[in-house]
Amino acid sequence: MKILLIGEPDRVEELRALLATTAPLVEVEVSDGDEEEDLDIYDAIFDLNFDDDSEIMERYAPLRNKPVFVSALKQQLSEAVYVSGSKIRCMLFGINRRQSWFGESACHFYDYQ
């Protein structure tokens, strides 16, 4: 399995380390999002910069049955889909990562429907 992680180094490193320990046979490539990658060669995409650049939705939407995880709140993700005007063919998931009130981090995944 080949995964693309898009994001700034501080955002990517925690997820990269988690994948290395939980799925050691997964091949992970990292991008800062500045270059346009060939998204078809990846089995899954994690875009941790999406909350800063949601216009990329137009590139993700047509990726039929490909899991795409983006960092966005539910409302922000819905708005990005609406603004793009694209039919969503990928399996789109949002990631809401934040620090909790008690100093522990929390990560919530949800699917876009």
Protein backbone atom coordinates (compact mmCIF):
# COMPACT_ATOMS: atom_id res chain seq x y z
CA MET A 1 0.00 0.00 0.00
CA LYS A 2 1.30 3.44 -0.93
CA ILE A 3 0.15 6.52 1.02
CA LEU A 4 0.74 10.20 0.31
CA LEU A 5 1.02 12.53 3.32
CA ILE A 6 0.70 16.21 2.45
CA GLY A 7 1.55 18.81 5.05
CA GLU A 8 4.12 20.82 6.86
CA PRO A 9 6.79 18.76 8.68
CA ASP A 10 5.36 19.41 12.14
CA ARG A 11 1.90 18.24 11.03
CA VAL A 12 3.12 15.19 9.13
CA GLU A 13 5.62 13.69 11.55
CA GLU A 14 3.14 12.42 14.15
CA LEU A 15 1.00 10.64 11.55
CA ARG A 16 4.06 9.28 9.78
CA ALA A 17 5.37 7.82 13.05
CA LEU A 18 1.97 6.30 13.82
CA LEU A 19 1.80 4.64 10.41
CA ALA A 20 5.35 3.31 10.79
CA THR A 21 4.46 1.53 14.05
CA THR A 22 0.95 0.33 13.19
CA ALA A 23 1.39 -0.47 9.50
CA PRO A 24 5.09 -1.17 8.85
CA LEU A 25 4.50 -2.55 5.34
CA VAL A 26 2.90 0.68 4.16
CA GLU A 27 5.02 2.84 1.88
CA VAL A 28 4.66 6.50 2.89
CA GLU A 29 5.66 9.46 0.75
CA VAL A 30 5.62 12.99 2.14
CA SER A 31 4.96 16.21 0.27
CA ASP A 32 4.69 19.80 1.43
CA GLY A 33 1.87 20.33 -1.06
CA ASP A 34 3.78 22.81 -3.20
CA GLU A 35 4.20 20.41 -6.13
CA GLU A 36 1.41 18.70 -8.00
CA GLU A 37 1.77 14.96 -7.41
CA ASP A 38 0.30 12.20 -9.57
CA LEU A 39 -2.49 11.24 -7.17
CA ASP A 40 -3.45 8.13 -9.14
CA ILE A 41 -0.37 6.20 -7.99
CA TYR A 42 -1.37 6.33 -4.31
CA ASP A 43 -3.77 4.01 -2.51
CA ALA A 44 -4.72 6.69 0.05
CA ILE A 45 -4.09 10.39 0.59
CA PHE A 46 -3.84 12.36 3.82
CA ASP A 47 -3.88 16.14 3.28
CA LEU A 48 -3.04 17.89 6.51
CA ASN A 49 -2.88 21.27 4.72
CA PHE A 50 -6.47 21.15 3.49
CA ASP A 51 -7.72 23.58 6.10
CA ASP A 52 -5.30 26.14 4.63
CA ASP A 53 -5.99 25.36 0.94
CA SER A 54 -9.40 23.77 0.34
CA GLU A 55 -9.37 24.67 -3.37
CA ILE A 56 -7.58 21.37 -3.98
CA MET A 57 -10.96 19.62 -3.59
CA GLU A 58 -11.29 19.74 -7.37
CA ARG A 59 -8.29 17.38 -7.66
CA TYR A 60 -9.52 14.96 -4.99
CA ALA A 61 -13.20 14.74 -5.97
CA PRO A 62 -12.81 12.61 -9.14
CA LEU A 63 -10.51 10.00 -7.53
CA ARG A 64 -13.04 7.18 -7.71
CA ASN A 65 -13.14 5.01 -4.56
CA LYS A 66 -9.81 6.35 -3.27
CA PRO A 67 -9.71 7.16 0.46
CA VAL A 68 -8.86 10.85 0.93
CA PHE A 69 -8.44 12.19 4.47
CA VAL A 70 -8.35 15.97 4.87
CA SER A 71 -7.85 18.18 7.91
CA ALA A 72 -11.08 20.14 8.15
CA LEU A 73 -14.02 20.74 10.41
CA LYS A 74 -17.32 19.27 9.20
CA GLN A 75 -18.73 22.62 8.13
CA GLN A 76 -15.49 23.63 6.42
CA LEU A 77 -15.43 20.36 4.47
CA SER A 78 -19.06 20.75 3.40
CA GLU A 79 -18.38 24.30 2.22
CA ALA A 80 -15.29 23.20 0.25
CA VAL A 81 -17.32 20.51 -1.52
CA TYR A 82 -20.11 22.98 -2.31
CA VAL A 83 -17.74 25.67 -3.61
CA SER A 84 -15.85 23.20 -5.80
CA GLY A 85 -19.06 22.20 -7.57
CA SER A 86 -17.51 18.76 -8.11
CA LYS A 87 -19.22 15.42 -7.74
CA ILE A 88 -17.42 13.55 -4.97
CA ARG A 89 -16.28 10.17 -6.26
CA CYS A 90 -13.51 9.61 -3.73
CA MET A 91 -14.11 8.23 -0.25
CA LEU A 92 -13.79 11.55 1.57
CA PHE A 93 -13.04 11.75 5.28
CA GLY A 94 -12.42 14.71 7.54
CA ILE A 95 -9.94 14.85 10.38
CA ASN A 96 -10.53 17.23 13.25
CA ARG A 97 -7.35 17.34 15.31
CA ARG A 98 -7.18 19.62 18.31
CA GLN A 99 -5.85 19.93 21.82
CA SER A 100 -8.39 19.08 24.47
CA TRP A 101 -9.12 21.18 27.53
CA PHE A 102 -7.17 18.74 29.65
CA GLY A 103 -3.93 19.05 27.67
CA GLU A 104 -4.35 15.80 25.76
CA SER A 105 -4.76 15.77 22.03
CA ALA A 106 -7.93 14.47 20.45
CA CYS A 107 -8.43 13.35 16.89
CA HIS A 108 -11.87 12.81 15.38
CA PHE A 109 -12.49 11.20 11.99
CA TYR A 110 -15.77 11.52 10.12
CA ASP A 111 -16.96 10.64 6.63
CA TYR A 112 -18.44 13.08 4.18
CA GLN A 113 -21.85 12.04 2.89
